[in-house]
PDB file of all heavy atoms in Angstrom:
ATOM      1  N   ARG A   1     100.236 107.054  79.335  1.00  0.00           N
ATOM      2  CA  ARG A   1      99.281 106.315  80.148  1.00  0.00           C
ATOM      3  C   ARG A   1      98.774 105.109  79.371  1.00  0.00           C
ATOM      4  O   ARG A   1      98.437 105.222  78.194  1.00  0.00           O
ATOM      5  CB  ARG A   1      98.109 107.205  80.563  1.00  0.00           C
ATOM      6  CG  ARG A   1      98.499 108.262  81.570  1.00  0.00           C
ATOM      7  CD  ARG A   1      97.264 108.943  82.152  1.00  0.00           C
ATOM      8  NE  ARG A   1      96.597 109.790  81.180  1.00  0.00           N
ATOM      9  CZ  ARG A   1      96.912 111.062  80.969  1.00  0.00           C
ATOM     10  NH1 ARG A   1      97.905 111.605  81.638  1.00  0.00           N
ATOM     11  NH2 ARG A   1      96.252 111.780  80.091  1.00  0.00           N
ATOM     12  N   PHE A   2      98.719 103.977  80.034  1.00  0.00           N
ATOM     13  CA  PHE A   2      98.164 102.769  79.439  1.00  0.00           C
ATOM     14  C   PHE A   2      96.919 102.369  80.234  1.00  0.00           C
ATOM     15  O   PHE A   2      96.913 102.466  81.465  1.00  0.00           O
ATOM     16  CB  PHE A   2      99.179 101.623  79.485  1.00  0.00           C
ATOM     17  CG  PHE A   2     100.361 101.819  78.579  1.00  0.00           C
ATOM     18  CD1 PHE A   2     101.513 102.429  79.035  1.00  0.00           C
ATOM     19  CD2 PHE A   2     100.315 101.392  77.259  1.00  0.00           C
ATOM     20  CE1 PHE A   2     102.604 102.613  78.207  1.00  0.00           C
ATOM     21  CE2 PHE A   2     101.399 101.574  76.422  1.00  0.00           C
ATOM     22  CZ  PHE A   2     102.542 102.189  76.888  1.00  0.00           C
ATOM     23  N   PRO A   3      95.875 101.898  79.552  1.00  0.00           N
ATOM     24  CA  PRO A   3      94.700 101.414  80.294  1.00  0.00           C
ATOM     25  C   PRO A   3      95.076 100.217  81.159  1.00  0.00           C
ATOM     26  O   PRO A   3      95.712  99.276  80.691  1.00  0.00           O
ATOM     27  CB  PRO A   3      93.727 101.008  79.179  1.00  0.00           C
ATOM     28  CG  PRO A   3      94.187 101.747  77.964  1.00  0.00           C
ATOM     29  CD  PRO A   3      95.673 101.851  78.093  1.00  0.00           C
ATOM     30  N   ILE A   4      94.685 100.257  82.425  1.00  0.00           N
ATOM     31  CA  ILE A   4      94.995  99.195  83.382  1.00  0.00           C
ATOM     32  C   ILE A   4      93.731  98.876  84.168  1.00  0.00           C
ATOM     33  O   ILE A   4      92.998  99.789  84.567  1.00  0.00           O
ATOM     34  CB  ILE A   4      96.121  99.618  84.350  1.00  0.00           C
ATOM     35  CG1 ILE A   4      97.379 100.024  83.574  1.00  0.00           C
ATOM     36  CG2 ILE A   4      96.452  98.504  85.333  1.00  0.00           C
ATOM     37  CD1 ILE A   4      98.478 100.607  84.452  1.00  0.00           C
ATOM     38  N   MET A   5      93.482  97.596  84.400  1.00  0.00           N
ATOM     39  CA  MET A   5      92.311  97.198  85.179  1.00  0.00           C
ATOM     40  C   MET A   5      92.465  95.767  85.655  1.00  0.00           C
ATOM     41  O   MET A   5      93.251  95.003  85.092  1.00  0.00           O
ATOM     42  CB  MET A   5      91.040  97.334  84.333  1.00  0.00           C
ATOM     43  CG  MET A   5      91.008  96.462  83.093  1.00  0.00           C
ATOM     44  SD  MET A   5      89.579  96.783  82.026  1.00  0.00           S
ATOM     45  CE  MET A   5      88.241  96.251  83.088  1.00  0.00           C
ATOM     46  N   PRO A   6      91.729  95.366  86.696  1.00  0.00           N
ATOM     47  CA  PRO A   6      91.713  93.951  87.081  1.00  0.00           C
ATOM     48  C   PRO A   6      91.124  93.126  85.944  1.00  0.00           C
ATOM     49  O   PRO A   6      90.241  93.590  85.214  1.00  0.00           O
ATOM     50  CB  PRO A   6      90.800  93.926  88.312  1.00  0.00           C
ATOM     51  CG  PRO A   6      90.727  95.346  88.786  1.00  0.00           C
ATOM     52  CD  PRO A   6      90.891  96.202  87.581  1.00  0.00           C
ATOM     53  N   ILE A   7      91.599  91.889  85.789  1.00  0.00           N
ATOM     54  CA  ILE A   7      91.087  91.060  84.690  1.00  0.00           C
ATOM     55  C   ILE A   7      89.982  90.126  85.152  1.00  0.00           C
ATOM     56  O   ILE A   7      89.384  89.425  84.319  1.00  0.00           O
ATOM     57  CB  ILE A   7      92.217  90.251  84.028  1.00  0.00           C
ATOM     58  CG1 ILE A   7      92.790  89.198  84.992  1.00  0.00           C
ATOM     59  CG2 ILE A   7      93.315  91.176  83.520  1.00  0.00           C
ATOM     60  CD1 ILE A   7      93.741  88.226  84.303  1.00  0.00           C
ATOM     61  N   ALA A   8      89.673  90.096  86.431  1.00  0.00           N
ATOM     62  CA  ALA A   8      88.619  89.231  86.955  1.00  0.00           C
ATOM     63  C   ALA A   8      87.999  89.901  88.180  1.00  0.00           C
ATOM     64  O   ALA A   8      88.500  90.909  88.681  1.00  0.00           O
ATOM     65  CB  ALA A   8      89.174  87.855  87.319  1.00  0.00           C
ATOM     66  N   GLY A   9      86.874  89.336  88.646  1.00  0.00           N
ATOM     67  CA  GLY A   9      86.199  89.869  89.820  1.00  0.00           C
ATOM     68  C   GLY A   9      85.415  91.131  89.561  1.00  0.00           C
ATOM     69  O   GLY A   9      84.980  91.808  90.503  1.00  0.00           O
ATOM     70  N   LEU A  10      85.176  91.465  88.305  1.00  0.00           N
ATOM     71  CA  LEU A  10      84.517  92.724  87.978  1.00  0.00           C
ATOM     72  C   LEU A  10      83.005  92.651  88.070  1.00  0.00           C
ATOM     73  O   LEU A  10      82.312  93.615  87.742  1.00  0.00           O
ATOM     74  CB  LEU A  10      84.957  93.177  86.582  1.00  0.00           C
ATOM     75  CG  LEU A  10      86.438  93.556  86.513  1.00  0.00           C
ATOM     76  CD1 LEU A  10      86.900  93.679  85.062  1.00  0.00           C
ATOM     77  CD2 LEU A  10      86.705  94.852  87.262  1.00  0.00           C
ATOM     78  N   ASP A  11      82.481  91.491  88.523  1.00  0.00           N
ATOM     79  CA  ASP A  11      81.070  91.422  88.879  1.00  0.00           C
ATOM     80  C   ASP A  11      80.824  92.058  90.240  1.00  0.00           C
ATOM     81  O   ASP A  11      79.677  92.223  90.659  1.00  0.00           O
ATOM     82  CB  ASP A  11      80.578  89.974  88.873  1.00  0.00           C
ATOM     83  CG  ASP A  11      81.448  89.062  89.728  1.00  0.00           C
ATOM     84  OD1 ASP A  11      82.594  89.442  90.034  1.00  0.00           O
ATOM     85  OD2 ASP A  11      80.983  87.955  90.060  1.00  0.00           O
ATOM     86  N   GLN A  12      81.935  92.430  90.927  1.00  0.00           N
ATOM     87  CA  GLN A  12      81.863  93.149  92.191  1.00  0.00           C
ATOM     88  C   GLN A  12      82.492  94.528  92.016  1.00  0.00           C
ATOM     89  O   GLN A  12      83.506  94.677  91.339  1.00  0.00           O
ATOM     90  CB  GLN A  12      82.613  92.386  93.290  1.00  0.00           C
ATOM     91  CG  GLN A  12      82.080  90.984  93.548  1.00  0.00           C
ATOM     92  CD  GLN A  12      80.670  90.994  94.099  1.00  0.00           C
ATOM     93  OE1 GLN A  12      80.339  91.831  94.953  1.00  0.00           O
ATOM     94  NE2 GLN A  12      79.829  90.083  93.625  1.00  0.00           N
ATOM     95  N   GLU A  13      81.898  95.516  92.634  1.00  0.00           N
ATOM     96  CA  GLU A  13      82.402  96.881  92.492  1.00  0.00           C
ATOM     97  C   GLU A  13      83.724  97.054  93.235  1.00  0.00           C
ATOM     98  O   GLU A  13      83.831  96.687  94.404  1.00  0.00           O
ATOM     99  CB  GLU A  13      81.384  97.875  93.038  1.00  0.00           C
ATOM    100  CG  GLU A  13      81.808  99.323  92.878  1.00  0.00           C
ATOM    101  CD  GLU A  13      80.758 100.297  93.350  1.00  0.00           C
ATOM    102  OE1 GLU A  13      79.720  99.842  93.877  1.00  0.00           O
ATOM    103  OE2 GLU A  13      80.980 101.513  93.191  1.00  0.00           O
ATOM    104  N   PRO A  14      84.736  97.580  92.578  1.00  0.00           N
ATOM    105  CA  PRO A  14      85.993  97.887  93.291  1.00  0.00           C
ATOM    106  C   PRO A  14      85.747  98.985  94.319  1.00  0.00           C
ATOM    107  O   PRO A  14      85.087  99.984  94.027  1.00  0.00           O
ATOM    108  CB  PRO A  14      86.928  98.363  92.173  1.00  0.00           C
ATOM    109  CG  PRO A  14      86.308  97.865  90.906  1.00  0.00           C
ATOM    110  CD  PRO A  14      84.833  97.855  91.138  1.00  0.00           C
ATOM    111  N   THR A  15      86.260  98.790  95.496  1.00  0.00           N
ATOM    112  CA  THR A  15      85.985  99.731  96.583  1.00  0.00           C
ATOM    113  C   THR A  15      87.229 100.465  97.079  1.00  0.00           C
ATOM    114  O   THR A  15      87.125 101.328  97.948  1.00  0.00           O
ATOM    115  CB  THR A  15      85.361  98.986  97.779  1.00  0.00           C
ATOM    116  OG1 THR A  15      86.245  97.939  98.196  1.00  0.00           O
ATOM    117  CG2 THR A  15      84.010  98.404  97.401  1.00  0.00           C
ATOM    118  N   ARG A  16      88.389 100.120  96.547  1.00  0.00           N
ATOM    119  CA  ARG A  16      89.611 100.782  96.991  1.00  0.00           C
ATOM    120  C   ARG A  16      90.307 101.415  95.797  1.00  0.00           C
ATOM    121  O   ARG A  16      89.986 101.110  94.640  1.00  0.00           O
ATOM    122  CB  ARG A  16      90.544  99.797  97.703  1.00  0.00           C
ATOM    123  CG  ARG A  16      89.912  99.148  98.935  1.00  0.00           C
ATOM    124  CD  ARG A  16      90.950  98.516  99.818  1.00  0.00           C
ATOM    125  NE  ARG A  16      91.834  99.502 100.441  1.00  0.00           N
ATOM    126  CZ  ARG A  16      91.550 100.158 101.567  1.00  0.00           C
ATOM    127  NH1 ARG A  16      90.413  99.965 102.191  1.00  0.00           N
ATOM    128  NH2 ARG A  16      92.427 101.020 102.078  1.00  0.00           N
ATOM    129  N   ARG A  17      91.256 102.291  96.096  1.00  0.00           N
ATOM    130  CA  ARG A  17      92.040 102.939  95.060  1.00  0.00           C
ATOM    131  C   ARG A  17      93.509 102.713  95.372  1.00  0.00           C
ATOM    132  O   ARG A  17      93.910 102.660  96.541  1.00  0.00           O
ATOM    133  CB  ARG A  17      91.720 104.434  94.977  1.00  0.00           C
ATOM    134  CG  ARG A  17      90.257 104.705  94.720  1.00  0.00           C
ATOM    135  CD  ARG A  17      89.908 106.187  94.802  1.00  0.00           C
ATOM    136  NE  ARG A  17      90.393 106.920  93.661  1.00  0.00           N
ATOM    137  CZ  ARG A  17      91.312 107.869  93.696  1.00  0.00           C
ATOM    138  NH1 ARG A  17      91.888 108.196  94.843  1.00  0.00           N
ATOM    139  NH2 ARG A  17      91.689 108.508  92.607  1.00  0.00           N
ATOM    140  N   ALA A  18      94.315 102.591  94.324  1.00  0.00           N
ATOM    141  CA  ALA A  18      95.725 102.253  94.553  1.00  0.00           C
ATOM    142  C   ALA A  18      96.587 102.801  93.436  1.00  0.00           C
ATOM    143  O   ALA A  18      96.123 103.062  92.323  1.00  0.00           O
ATOM    144  CB  ALA A  18      95.900 100.738  94.635  1.00  0.00           C
ATOM    145  N   ARG A  19      97.858 102.955  93.759  1.00  0.00           N
ATOM    146  CA  ARG A  19      98.856 103.156  92.719  1.00  0.00           C
ATOM    147  C   ARG A  19      99.713 101.887  92.691  1.00  0.00           C
ATOM    148  O   ARG A  19      99.732 101.113  93.660  1.00  0.00           O
ATOM    149  CB  ARG A  19      99.696 104.401  92.969  1.00  0.00           C
ATOM    150  CG  ARG A  19     100.656 104.335  94.140  1.00  0.00           C
ATOM    151  CD  ARG A  19     101.396 105.664  94.291  1.00  0.00           C
ATOM    152  NE  ARG A  19     102.502 105.579  95.219  1.00  0.00           N
ATOM    153  CZ  ARG A  19     102.397 105.714  96.520  1.00  0.00           C
ATOM    154  NH1 ARG A  19     101.197 105.917  97.054  1.00  0.00           N
ATOM    155  NH2 ARG A  19     103.456 105.628  97.300  1.00  0.00           N
ATOM    156  N   LEU A  20     100.424 101.690  91.600  1.00  0.00           N
ATOM    157  CA  LEU A  20     101.138 100.436  91.388  1.00  0.00           C
ATOM    158  C   LEU A  20     102.636 100.670  91.475  1.00  0.00           C
ATOM    159  O   LEU A  20     103.149 101.650  90.929  1.00  0.00           O
ATOM    160  CB  LEU A  20     100.791  99.848  90.020  1.00  0.00           C
ATOM    161  CG  LEU A  20      99.312  99.806  89.641  1.00  0.00           C
ATOM    162  CD1 LEU A  20      99.136  99.181  88.266  1.00  0.00           C
ATOM    163  CD2 LEU A  20      98.493  99.075  90.686  1.00  0.00           C
ATOM    164  N   VAL A  21     103.333  99.767  92.135  1.00  0.00           N
ATOM    165  CA  VAL A  21     104.792  99.812  92.155  1.00  0.00           C
ATOM    166  C   VAL A  21     105.317  98.476  91.652  1.00  0.00           C
ATOM    167  O   VAL A  21     104.715  97.430  91.877  1.00  0.00           O
ATOM    168  CB  VAL A  21     105.337 100.112  93.568  1.00  0.00           C
ATOM    169  CG1 VAL A  21     104.919 101.502  94.015  1.00  0.00           C
ATOM    170  CG2 VAL A  21     104.872  99.072  94.582  1.00  0.00           C
ATOM    171  N   ASP A  22     106.442  98.531  90.944  1.00  0.00           N
ATOM    172  CA  ASP A  22     107.014  97.301  90.405  1.00  0.00           C
ATOM    173  C   ASP A  22     108.079  96.769  91.362  1.00  0.00           C
ATOM    174  O   ASP A  22     108.269  97.288  92.463  1.00  0.00           O
ATOM    175  CB  ASP A  22     107.559  97.520  88.991  1.00  0.00           C
ATOM    176  CG  ASP A  22     108.806  98.405  88.960  1.00  0.00           C
ATOM    177  OD1 ASP A  22     109.320  98.786  90.039  1.00  0.00           O
ATOM    178  OD2 ASP A  22     109.280  98.720  87.848  1.00  0.00           O
ATOM    179  N   ILE A  23     108.771  95.712  90.934  1.00  0.00           N
ATOM    180  CA  ILE A  23     109.736  95.059  91.833  1.00  0.00           C
ATOM    181  C   ILE A  23     111.171  95.494  91.568  1.00  0.00           C
ATOM    182  O   ILE A  23     112.101  94.872  92.082  1.00  0.00           O
ATOM    183  CB  ILE A  23     109.610  93.526  91.743  1.00  0.00           C
ATOM    184  CG1 ILE A  23     109.840  93.027  90.310  1.00  0.00           C
ATOM    185  CG2 ILE A  23     108.258  93.063  92.261  1.00  0.00           C
ATOM    186  CD1 ILE A  23     109.896  91.512  90.207  1.00  0.00           C
ATOM    187  N   THR A  24     111.366  96.555  90.795  1.00  0.00           N
ATOM    188  CA  THR A  24     112.722  97.052  90.582  1.00  0.00           C
ATOM    189  C   THR A  24     113.174  97.862  91.788  1.00  0.00           C
ATOM    190  O   THR A  24     112.352  98.378  92.557  1.00  0.00           O
ATOM    191  CB  THR A  24     112.813  97.943  89.332  1.00  0.00           C
ATOM    192  OG1 THR A  24     112.010  99.118  89.534  1.00  0.00           O
ATOM    193  CG2 THR A  24     112.338  97.200  88.098  1.00  0.00           C
ATOM    194  N   CYS A  25     114.462  97.980  91.933  1.00  0.00           N
ATOM    195  CA  CYS A  25     115.031  98.803  93.008  1.00  0.00           C
ATOM    196  C   CYS A  25     115.200 100.229  92.513  1.00  0.00           C
ATOM    197  O   CYS A  25     116.315 100.767  92.457  1.00  0.00           O
ATOM    198  CB  CYS A  25     116.369  98.223  93.467  1.00  0.00           C
ATOM    199  SG  CYS A  25     116.244  96.587  94.184  1.00  0.00           S
ATOM    200  N   ASP A  26     114.092 100.859  92.131  1.00  0.00           N
ATOM    201  CA  ASP A  26     114.139 102.196  91.558  1.00  0.00           C
ATOM    202  C   ASP A  26     112.841 102.901  91.897  1.00  0.00           C
ATOM    203  O   ASP A  26     111.757 102.354  91.670  1.00  0.00           O
ATOM    204  CB  ASP A  26     114.326 102.134  90.042  1.00  0.00           C
ATOM    205  CG  ASP A  26     114.769 103.461  89.456  1.00  0.00           C
ATOM    206  OD1 ASP A  26     114.065 104.456  89.678  1.00  0.00           O
ATOM    207  OD2 ASP A  26     115.806 103.499  88.770  1.00  0.00           O
ATOM    208  N   SER A  27     112.934 104.108  92.443  1.00  0.00           N
ATOM    209  CA  SER A  27     111.733 104.839  92.822  1.00  0.00           C
ATOM    210  C   SER A  27     110.884 105.231  91.616  1.00  0.00           C
ATOM    211  O   SER A  27     109.691 105.521  91.767  1.00  0.00           O
ATOM    212  CB  SER A  27     112.109 106.098  93.613  1.00  0.00           C
ATOM    213  OG  SER A  27     112.958 106.936  92.850  1.00  0.00           O
ATOM    214  N   ASP A  28     111.473 105.254  90.423  1.00  0.00           N
ATOM    215  CA  ASP A  28     110.697 105.532  89.216  1.00  0.00           C
ATOM    216  C   ASP A  28     109.859 104.333  88.784  1.00  0.00           C
ATOM    217  O   ASP A  28     109.040 104.453  87.875  1.00  0.00           O
ATOM    218  CB  ASP A  28     111.626 105.912  88.057  1.00  0.00           C
ATOM    219  CG  ASP A  28     112.063 107.361  88.134  1.00  0.00           C
ATOM    220  OD1 ASP A  28     111.488 108.098  88.954  1.00  0.00           O
ATOM    221  OD2 ASP A  28     112.966 107.752  87.382  1.00  0.00           O
ATOM    222  N   GLY A  29     110.055 103.205  89.414  1.00  0.00           N
ATOM    223  CA  GLY A  29     109.331 102.002  89.026  1.00  0.00           C
ATOM    224  C   GLY A  29     107.940 101.958  89.611  1.00  0.00           C
ATOM    225  O   GLY A  29     107.602 101.083  90.414  1.00  0.00           O
ATOM    226  N   GLU A  30     107.121 102.909  89.249  1.00  0.00           N
ATOM    227  CA  GLU A  30     105.746 102.938  89.724  1.00  0.00           C
ATOM    228  C   GLU A  30     104.835 103.488  88.641  1.00  0.00           C
ATOM    229  O   GLU A  30     105.283 104.132  87.686  1.00  0.00           O
ATOM    230  CB  GLU A  30     105.602 103.781  90.993  1.00  0.00           C
ATOM    231  CG  GLU A  30     105.662 105.277  90.777  1.00  0.00           C
ATOM    232  CD  GLU A  30     105.144 106.068  91.974  1.00  0.00           C
ATOM    233  OE1 GLU A  30     104.706 105.442  92.957  1.00  0.00           O
ATOM    234  OE2 GLU A  30     105.168 107.308  91.909  1.00  0.00           O
ATOM    235  N   ILE A  31     103.552 103.220  88.795  1.00  0.00           N
ATOM    236  CA  ILE A  31     102.533 103.784  87.913  1.00  0.00           C
ATOM    237  C   ILE A  31     101.550 104.535  88.794  1.00  0.00           C
ATOM    238  O   ILE A  31     100.895 103.940  89.658  1.00  0.00           O
ATOM    239  CB  ILE A  31     101.810 102.691  87.107  1.00  0.00           C
ATOM    240  CG1 ILE A  31     102.806 101.934  86.224  1.00  0.00           C
ATOM    241  CG2 ILE A  31     100.706 103.302  86.247  1.00  0.00           C
ATOM    242  CD1 ILE A  31     102.194 100.787  85.450  1.00  0.00           C
ATOM    243  N   ALA A  32     101.470 105.830  88.582  1.00  0.00           N
ATOM    244  CA  ALA A  32     100.577 106.666  89.381  1.00  0.00           C
ATOM    245  C   ALA A  32      99.782 107.622  88.501  1.00  0.00           C
ATOM    246  O   ALA A  32      99.299 108.654  88.968  1.00  0.00           O
ATOM    247  CB  ALA A  32     101.375 107.441  90.420  1.00  0.00           C
ATOM    248  N   LYS A  33      99.668 107.274  87.219  1.00  0.00           N
ATOM    249  CA  LYS A  33      98.838 108.049  86.290  1.00  0.00           C
ATOM    250  C   LYS A  33      97.988 107.061  85.518  1.00  0.00           C
ATOM    251  O   LYS A  33      98.513 106.163  84.852  1.00  0.00           O
ATOM    252  CB  LYS A  33      99.702 108.868  85.331  1.00  0.00           C
ATOM    253  CG  LYS A  33     100.516 109.965  85.997  1.00  0.00           C
ATOM    254  CD  LYS A  33     101.336 110.727  84.961  1.00  0.00           C
ATOM    255  CE  LYS A  33     102.152 111.831  85.615  1.00  0.00           C
ATOM    256  NZ  LYS A  33     102.981 112.560  84.607  1.00  0.00           N
ATOM    257  N   PHE A  34      96.673 107.243  85.594  1.00  0.00           N
ATOM    258  CA  PHE A  34      95.758 106.282  85.010  1.00  0.00           C
ATOM    259  C   PHE A  34      94.744 106.982  84.117  1.00  0.00           C
ATOM    260  O   PHE A  34      94.501 108.179  84.237  1.00  0.00           O
ATOM    261  CB  PHE A  34      95.045 105.504  86.125  1.00  0.00           C
ATOM    262  CG  PHE A  34      95.990 104.765  87.031  1.00  0.00           C
ATOM    263  CD1 PHE A  34      96.468 105.361  88.191  1.00  0.00           C
ATOM    264  CD2 PHE A  34      96.422 103.495  86.717  1.00  0.00           C
ATOM    265  CE1 PHE A  34      97.356 104.696  89.024  1.00  0.00           C
ATOM    266  CE2 PHE A  34      97.311 102.820  87.545  1.00  0.00           C
ATOM    267  CZ  PHE A  34      97.777 103.416  88.698  1.00  0.00           C
ATOM    268  N   VAL A  35      94.165 106.216  83.233  1.00  0.00           N
ATOM    269  CA  VAL A  35      93.235 106.736  82.241  1.00  0.00           C
ATOM    270  C   VAL A  35      92.007 107.321  82.928  1.00  0.00           C
ATOM    271  O   VAL A  35      91.425 106.697  83.820  1.00  0.00           O
ATOM    272  CB  VAL A  35      92.812 105.614  81.276  1.00  0.00           C
ATOM    273  CG1 VAL A  35      91.662 106.068  80.392  1.00  0.00           C
ATOM    274  CG2 VAL A  35      94.001 105.183  80.434  1.00  0.00           C
ATOM    275  N   ALA A  36      91.611 108.519  82.509  1.00  0.00           N
ATOM    276  CA  ALA A  36      90.412 109.158  83.036  1.00  0.00           C
ATOM    277  C   ALA A  36      89.997 110.285  82.095  1.00  0.00           C
ATOM    278  O   ALA A  36      90.854 110.946  81.510  1.00  0.00           O
ATOM    279  CB  ALA A  36      90.658 109.714  84.432  1.00  0.00           C
ATOM    280  N   PRO A  37      88.679 110.523  81.930  1.00  0.00           N
ATOM    281  CA  PRO A  37      88.236 111.599  81.039  1.00  0.00           C
ATOM    282  C   PRO A  37      88.730 112.970  81.458  1.00  0.00           C
ATOM    283  O   PRO A  37      88.978 113.833  80.631  1.00  0.00           O
ATOM    284  CB  PRO A  37      86.702 111.514  81.137  1.00  0.00           C
ATOM    285  CG  PRO A  37      86.412 110.148  81.613  1.00  0.00           C
ATOM    286  CD  PRO A  37      87.560 109.772  82.495  1.00  0.00           C
ATOM    287  N   GLU A  38      88.886 113.167  82.781  1.00  0.00           N
ATOM    288  CA  GLU A  38      89.302 114.486  83.255  1.00  0.00           C
ATOM    289  C   GLU A  38      90.805 114.677  83.218  1.00  0.00           C
ATOM    290  O   GLU A  38      91.308 115.708  83.643  1.00  0.00           O
ATOM    291  CB  GLU A  38      88.792 114.714  84.688  1.00  0.00           C
ATOM    292  CG  GLU A  38      89.391 113.786  85.736  1.00  0.00           C
ATOM    293  CD  GLU A  38      88.634 112.471  85.880  1.00  0.00           C
ATOM    294  OE1 GLU A  38      87.805 112.166  84.997  1.00  0.00           O
ATOM    295  OE2 GLU A  38      88.874 111.752  86.873  1.00  0.00           O
ATOM    296  N   GLY A  39      91.543 113.708  82.703  1.00  0.00           N
ATOM    297  CA  GLY A  39      92.988 113.805  82.635  1.00  0.00           C
ATOM    298  C   GLY A  39      93.631 112.691  83.433  1.00  0.00           C
ATOM    299  O   GLY A  39      93.058 111.618  83.577  1.00  0.00           O
ATOM    300  N   ALA A  40      94.808 112.962  83.958  1.00  0.00           N
ATOM    301  CA  ALA A  40      95.567 111.926  84.653  1.00  0.00           C
ATOM    302  C   ALA A  40      94.959 111.645  86.022  1.00  0.00           C
ATOM    303  O   ALA A  40      95.005 112.475  86.917  1.00  0.00           O
ATOM    304  CB  ALA A  40      97.022 112.358  84.810  1.00  0.00           C
ATOM    305  N   ARG A  41      94.382 110.463  86.180  1.00  0.00           N
ATOM    306  CA  ARG A  41      93.914 110.025  87.486  1.00  0.00           C
ATOM    307  C   ARG A  41      95.096 109.452  88.249  1.00  0.00           C
ATOM    308  O   ARG A  41      95.874 108.676  87.707  1.00  0.00           O
ATOM    309  CB  ARG A  41      92.805 108.987  87.312  1.00  0.00           C
ATOM    310  CG  ARG A  41      92.207 108.494  88.614  1.00  0.00           C
ATOM    311  CD  ARG A  41      91.023 107.587  88.356  1.00  0.00           C
ATOM    312  NE  ARG A  41      89.949 108.318  87.708  1.00  0.00           N
ATOM    313  CZ  ARG A  41      88.789 107.766  87.335  1.00  0.00           C
ATOM    314  NH1 ARG A  41      88.598 106.479  87.512  1.00  0.00           N
ATOM    315  NH2 ARG A  41      87.857 108.495  86.757  1.00  0.00           N
ATOM    316  N   ARG A  42      95.196 109.781  89.532  1.00  0.00           N
ATOM    317  CA  ARG A  42      96.382 109.433  90.300  1.00  0.00           C
ATOM    318  C   ARG A  42      96.263 108.091  91.021  1.00  0.00           C
ATOM    319  O   ARG A  42      97.188 107.671  91.702  1.00  0.00           O
ATOM    320  CB  ARG A  42      96.675 110.524  91.328  1.00  0.00           C
ATOM    321  CG  ARG A  42      96.882 111.903  90.737  1.00  0.00           C
ATOM    322  CD  ARG A  42      98.158 111.997  89.942  1.00  0.00           C
ATOM    323  NE  ARG A  42      99.334 111.735  90.756  1.00  0.00           N
ATOM    324  CZ  ARG A  42     100.571 111.727  90.294  1.00  0.00           C
ATOM    325  NH1 ARG A  42     100.788 111.918  89.003  1.00  0.00           N
ATOM    326  NH2 ARG A  42     101.593 111.495  91.090  1.00  0.00           N
ATOM    327  N   ALA A  43      95.138 107.416  90.904  1.00  0.00           N
ATOM    328  CA  ALA A  43      94.978 106.114  91.545  1.00  0.00           C
ATOM    329  C   ALA A  43      94.005 105.280  90.721  1.00  0.00           C
ATOM    330  O   ALA A  43      93.161 105.810  89.989  1.00  0.00           O
ATOM    331  CB  ALA A  43      94.488 106.270  92.979  1.00  0.00           C
ATOM    332  N   LEU A  44      94.137 103.976  90.862  1.00  0.00           N
ATOM    333  CA  LEU A  44      93.338 103.014  90.106  1.00  0.00           C
ATOM    334  C   LEU A  44      92.334 102.351  91.035  1.00  0.00           C
ATOM    335  O   LEU A  44      92.669 101.957  92.156  1.00  0.00           O
ATOM    336  CB  LEU A  44      94.255 101.955  89.496  1.00  0.00           C
ATOM    337  CG  LEU A  44      93.591 100.835  88.691  1.00  0.00           C
ATOM    338  CD1 LEU A  44      93.067 101.376  87.369  1.00  0.00           C
ATOM    339  CD2 LEU A  44      94.584  99.696  88.452  1.00  0.00           C
ATOM    340  N   GLU A  45      91.104 102.180  90.564  1.00  0.00           N
ATOM    341  CA  GLU A  45      90.088 101.481  91.333  1.00  0.00           C
ATOM    342  C   GLU A  45      90.398  99.985  91.351  1.00  0.00           C
ATOM    343  O   GLU A  45      90.543  99.364  90.296  1.00  0.00           O
ATOM    344  CB  GLU A  45      88.696 101.710  90.741  1.00  0.00           C
ATOM    345  CG  GLU A  45      88.196 103.136  90.872  1.00  0.00           C
ATOM    346  CD  GLU A  45      88.727 104.068  89.812  1.00  0.00           C
ATOM    347  OE1 GLU A  45      89.496 103.616  88.941  1.00  0.00           O
ATOM    348  OE2 GLU A  45      88.382 105.262  89.844  1.00  0.00           O
ATOM    349  N   VAL A  46      90.500  99.415  92.538  1.00  0.00           N
ATOM    350  CA  VAL A  46      90.801  97.988  92.692  1.00  0.00           C
ATOM    351  C   VAL A  46      89.903  97.426  93.786  1.00  0.00           C
ATOM    352  O   VAL A  46      89.238  98.162  94.516  1.00  0.00           O
ATOM    353  CB  VAL A  46      92.278  97.738  93.049  1.00  0.00           C
ATOM    354  CG1 VAL A  46      93.188  98.195  91.917  1.00  0.00           C
ATOM    355  CG2 VAL A  46      92.650  98.433  94.351  1.00  0.00           C
TER     356      VAL A  46
END
């Protein structure tokens, strides 16, 4: 797991959650595990 977050707009509270997919033609090309104290969080606040 790598820490991931928006780099701007953080003066506003993120209200949605998302997982990330890349532009490769491969179903493994996604990130669905994010940093969290309770373990692997399955979505990122955006």
